[in-house]
C-alpha atoms as a PDB file:
ATOM      1  CA  MET A   1     -17.908  41.910 -31.642  1.00  0.00           C
ATOM      2  CA  LYS A   2     -18.719  45.331 -30.184  1.00  0.00           C
ATOM      3  CA  THR A   3     -17.256  48.428 -31.719  1.00  0.00           C
ATOM      4  CA  THR A   4     -14.847  50.578 -29.745  1.00  0.00           C
ATOM      5  CA  THR A   5     -17.566  53.199 -29.124  1.00  0.00           C
ATOM      6  CA  GLU A   6     -19.587  50.618 -27.129  1.00  0.00           C
ATOM      7  CA  LEU A   7     -16.684  49.676 -24.863  1.00  0.00           C
ATOM      8  CA  PRO A   8     -16.401  51.324 -21.439  1.00  0.00           C
ATOM      9  CA  ALA A   9     -14.074  54.234 -20.789  1.00  0.00           C
ATOM     10  CA  SER A  10     -11.315  52.908 -18.559  1.00  0.00           C
ATOM     11  CA  SER A  11      -7.713  53.478 -17.566  1.00  0.00           C
ATOM     12  CA  VAL A  12      -6.950  50.106 -19.229  1.00  0.00           C
ATOM     13  CA  PRO A  13      -7.706  49.079 -22.832  1.00  0.00           C
ATOM     14  CA  ALA A  14     -11.054  47.358 -23.426  1.00  0.00           C
ATOM     15  CA  ALA A  15     -12.163  44.735 -25.953  1.00  0.00           C
ATOM     16  CA  CYS A  16     -15.142  42.440 -26.358  1.00  0.00           C
ATOM     17  CA  THR A  17     -15.405  39.102 -28.136  1.00  0.00           C
ATOM     18  CA  ASP A  18     -18.484  36.877 -28.091  1.00  0.00           C
ATOM     19  CA  GLY A  19     -20.013  39.198 -25.473  1.00  0.00           C
ATOM     20  CA  HIS A  20     -17.111  38.830 -23.022  1.00  0.00           C
ATOM     21  CA  LEU A  21     -15.473  42.119 -21.976  1.00  0.00           C
ATOM     22  CA  PHE A  22     -11.735  42.071 -21.171  1.00  0.00           C
ATOM     23  CA  SER A  23      -8.538  44.105 -21.361  1.00  0.00           C
ATOM     24  CA  PRO A  24      -6.528  42.848 -24.349  1.00  0.00           C
ATOM     25  CA  THR A  25      -2.806  42.151 -24.332  1.00  0.00           C
ATOM     26  CA  ALA A  26      -0.465  43.553 -26.969  1.00  0.00           C
ATOM     27  CA  ASP A  27      -0.287  40.273 -28.918  1.00  0.00           C
ATOM     28  CA  LEU A  28      -4.079  40.248 -29.442  1.00  0.00           C
ATOM     29  CA  VAL A  29      -4.043  43.880 -30.575  1.00  0.00           C
ATOM     30  CA  ALA A  30      -1.167  43.151 -32.966  1.00  0.00           C
ATOM     31  CA  ALA A  31      -3.267  40.315 -34.434  1.00  0.00           C
ATOM     32  CA  GLY A  32      -5.985  42.845 -35.315  1.00  0.00           C
ATOM     33  CA  LEU A  33      -8.379  42.736 -32.357  1.00  0.00           C
ATOM     34  CA  ASP A  34     -10.683  45.793 -32.280  1.00  0.00           C
ATOM     35  CA  PHE A  35     -10.246  47.595 -28.944  1.00  0.00           C
ATOM     36  CA  ARG A  36     -10.708  50.894 -27.110  1.00  0.00           C
ATOM     37  CA  PRO A  37      -7.367  52.341 -25.893  1.00  0.00           C
ATOM     38  CA  GLY A  38      -6.982  52.864 -22.178  1.00  0.00           C
ATOM     39  CA  ASP A  39      -6.929  56.385 -20.753  1.00  0.00           C
ATOM     40  CA  GLN A  40      -3.784  55.571 -18.750  1.00  0.00           C
ATOM     41  CA  PHE A  41      -2.340  52.299 -20.083  1.00  0.00           C
ATOM     42  CA  GLN A  42      -1.595  50.733 -23.453  1.00  0.00           C
ATOM     43  CA  PRO A  43      -2.174  46.975 -23.952  1.00  0.00           C
ATOM     44  CA  MET A  44       0.337  45.128 -21.788  1.00  0.00           C
ATOM     45  CA  ALA A  45       2.685  42.418 -22.971  1.00  0.00           C
ATOM     46  CA  PRO A  46       1.373  38.914 -22.279  1.00  0.00           C
ATOM     47  CA  ALA A  47       2.847  37.049 -19.315  1.00  0.00           C
ATOM     48  CA  PRO A  48       5.984  35.015 -19.995  1.00  0.00           C
ATOM     49  CA  LEU A  49       5.008  31.351 -19.956  1.00  0.00           C
ATOM     50  CA  SER A  50       8.267  29.430 -19.732  1.00  0.00           C
ATOM     51  CA  ASP A  51      10.223  31.155 -16.954  1.00  0.00           C
ATOM     52  CA  LEU A  52       8.726  31.479 -13.469  1.00  0.00           C
ATOM     53  CA  ARG A  53      11.151  34.248 -12.439  1.00  0.00           C
ATOM     54  CA  ALA A  54      10.332  36.248 -15.573  1.00  0.00           C
ATOM     55  CA  LYS A  55       6.610  35.811 -14.900  1.00  0.00           C
ATOM     56  CA  ALA A  56       7.029  37.028 -11.304  1.00  0.00           C
ATOM     57  CA  GLU A  57       8.950  40.072 -12.541  1.00  0.00           C
ATOM     58  CA  TRP A  58       6.261  40.742 -15.168  1.00  0.00           C
ATOM     59  CA  TRP A  59       3.586  40.548 -12.450  1.00  0.00           C
ATOM     60  CA  ARG A  60       5.407  43.045 -10.207  1.00  0.00           C
ATOM     61  CA  THR A  61       6.468  45.544 -12.877  1.00  0.00           C
ATOM     62  CA  VAL A  62       3.701  45.323 -15.505  1.00  0.00           C
ATOM     63  CA  ALA A  63       0.484  43.581 -14.497  1.00  0.00           C
ATOM     64  CA  ASN A  64       0.184  44.592 -10.846  1.00  0.00           C
ATOM     65  CA  LEU A  65       0.588  48.343 -11.413  1.00  0.00           C
ATOM     66  CA  SER A  66      -2.184  50.197  -9.579  1.00  0.00           C
ATOM     67  CA  ALA A  67      -4.935  51.643 -11.783  1.00  0.00           C
ATOM     68  CA  PRO A  68      -7.798  54.027 -10.928  1.00  0.00           C
ATOM     69  CA  ASP A  69     -10.231  51.477 -12.382  1.00  0.00           C
ATOM     70  CA  PHE A  70     -10.358  48.221 -14.309  1.00  0.00           C
ATOM     71  CA  LEU A  71     -12.903  48.272 -17.145  1.00  0.00           C
ATOM     72  CA  GLY A  72     -15.060  50.642 -15.117  1.00  0.00           C
ATOM     73  CA  LEU A  73     -14.760  48.761 -11.813  1.00  0.00           C
ATOM     74  CA  THR A  74     -13.553  50.882  -8.898  1.00  0.00           C
ATOM     75  CA  PRO A  75     -12.836  50.037  -5.255  1.00  0.00           C
ATOM     76  CA  GLY A  76     -16.097  49.881  -3.334  1.00  0.00           C
ATOM     77  CA  SER A  77     -18.151  48.660  -6.323  1.00  0.00           C
ATOM     78  CA  THR A  78     -20.409  45.660  -5.742  1.00  0.00           C
ATOM     79  CA  ILE A  79     -20.440  43.123  -8.567  1.00  0.00           C
ATOM     80  CA  THR A  80     -21.551  39.547  -9.277  1.00  0.00           C
ATOM     81  CA  VAL A  81     -18.701  37.024  -9.518  1.00  0.00           C
ATOM     82  CA  HIS A  82     -18.414  33.453 -10.859  1.00  0.00           C
ATOM     83  CA  HIS A  83     -16.078  31.377  -8.662  1.00  0.00           C
ATOM     84  CA  GLY A  84     -15.472  27.792  -7.598  1.00  0.00           C
ATOM     85  CA  GLY A  85     -18.465  27.848  -5.240  1.00  0.00           C
ATOM     86  CA  GLY A  86     -20.948  29.300  -7.736  1.00  0.00           C
ATOM     87  CA  VAL A  87     -22.087  32.882  -8.290  1.00  0.00           C
ATOM     88  CA  SER A  88     -21.995  35.474  -5.485  1.00  0.00           C
ATOM     89  CA  ALA A  89     -21.967  39.186  -4.802  1.00  0.00           C
ATOM     90  CA  ALA A  90     -18.489  40.611  -4.253  1.00  0.00           C
ATOM     91  CA  GLU A  91     -16.920  43.947  -3.364  1.00  0.00           C
ATOM     92  CA  VAL A  92     -14.053  45.382  -5.401  1.00  0.00           C
ATOM     93  CA  ILE A  93     -11.170  46.112  -3.001  1.00  0.00           C
ATOM     94  CA  SER A  94      -8.484  47.240  -5.481  1.00  0.00           C
ATOM     95  CA  THR A  95      -7.797  47.619  -9.187  1.00  0.00           C
ATOM     96  CA  SER A  96      -4.656  47.121 -11.227  1.00  0.00           C
ATOM     97  CA  ARG A  97      -3.619  47.015 -14.847  1.00  0.00           C
ATOM     98  CA  ALA A  98      -4.374  43.276 -14.960  1.00  0.00           C
ATOM     99  CA  GLY A  99      -7.718  43.082 -13.124  1.00  0.00           C
ATOM    100  CA  ALA A 100      -9.852  43.891 -10.104  1.00  0.00           C
ATOM    101  CA  ARG A 101      -9.262  42.248  -6.715  1.00  0.00           C
ATOM    102  CA  VAL A 102     -12.578  41.339  -5.061  1.00  0.00           C
ATOM    103  CA  GLN A 103     -13.787  39.940  -1.738  1.00  0.00           C
ATOM    104  CA  VAL A 104     -16.561  37.357  -1.731  1.00  0.00           C
ATOM    105  CA  ALA A 105     -18.293  36.600   1.583  1.00  0.00           C
ATOM    106  CA  LEU A 106     -18.377  32.865   2.253  1.00  0.00           C
ATOM    107  CA  PRO A 107     -21.958  31.690   2.796  1.00  0.00           C
ATOM    108  CA  GLU A 108     -22.759  30.069   6.117  1.00  0.00           C
ATOM    109  CA  ASP A 109     -19.507  31.319   7.673  1.00  0.00           C
ATOM    110  CA  VAL A 110     -20.305  32.766  11.078  1.00  0.00           C
ATOM    111  CA  GLU A 111     -16.750  34.063  11.519  1.00  0.00           C
ATOM    112  CA  GLY A 112     -17.050  36.456   8.580  1.00  0.00           C
ATOM    113  CA  LEU A 113     -14.341  34.833   6.500  1.00  0.00           C
ATOM    114  CA  HIS A 114     -14.162  35.704   2.828  1.00  0.00           C
ATOM    115  CA  LEU A 115     -12.563  34.616  -0.419  1.00  0.00           C
ATOM    116  CA  GLU A 116     -10.339  37.023  -2.355  1.00  0.00           C
ATOM    117  CA  LEU A 117      -9.791  36.617  -6.065  1.00  0.00           C
ATOM    118  CA  THR A 118      -8.936  38.647  -9.143  1.00  0.00           C
ATOM    119  CA  VAL A 119     -11.504  39.114 -11.892  1.00  0.00           C
ATOM    120  CA  THR A 120     -10.403  39.921 -15.422  1.00  0.00           C
ATOM    121  CA  ARG A 121     -13.473  39.421 -17.647  1.00  0.00           C
ATOM    122  CA  ARG A 122     -17.210  40.164 -17.694  1.00  0.00           C
ATOM    123  CA  SER A 123     -19.615  37.630 -19.187  1.00  0.00           C
ATOM    124  CA  PRO A 124     -22.525  38.542 -21.469  1.00  0.00           C
ATOM    125  CA  SER A 125     -24.859  38.295 -18.433  1.00  0.00           C
ATOM    126  CA  GLY A 126     -22.822  40.958 -16.602  1.00  0.00           C
ATOM    127  CA  SER A 127     -21.117  38.728 -14.045  1.00  0.00           C
ATOM    128  CA  TRP A 128     -17.325  38.822 -13.668  1.00  0.00           C
ATOM    129  CA  TYR A 129     -14.821  35.951 -13.606  1.00  0.00           C
ATOM    130  CA  GLY A 130     -11.103  35.351 -13.375  1.00  0.00           C
ATOM    131  CA  PRO A 131      -8.491  33.700 -15.537  1.00  0.00           C
ATOM    132  CA  TYR A 132      -8.512  30.314 -13.778  1.00  0.00           C
ATOM    133  CA  GLY A 133     -12.188  29.428 -13.558  1.00  0.00           C
ATOM    134  CA  PRO A 134     -14.619  28.094 -16.121  1.00  0.00           C
ATOM    135  CA  THR A 135     -15.867  30.598 -18.698  1.00  0.00           C
ATOM    136  CA  PRO A 136     -19.537  31.411 -18.054  1.00  0.00           C
ATOM    137  CA  GLN A 137     -21.602  31.138 -21.225  1.00  0.00           C
ATOM    138  CA  ALA A 138     -24.355  33.547 -20.186  1.00  0.00           C
END
């Protein structure tokens, strides 16, 4: 695991396990995870799992709060993203306490359509991925 001095300065807390960079939740910090505090936010409470209404409220009032950056990502940044269709370049369009919203151009789409998704972690290879896709190993 990286030490806190090797983690990026960010408005959200930063942690790294097995080479994967992410913003830890309060339960992980309470369990002893080494992390760098955020410049603007403390570790957020994990999402409620059993009640859909409570999870929606958590998303609106905790996770979706606007942030100047997410683990160093800022709007306008170009990054590499793992998604259901493979690995592609993406542009960061917004950042929040819970992640960075990105746009991925769809290949072979002459109409200029794109995919939007939220990334929350960076793999050891430097590509980003979200909470619902497979975890890249490299």
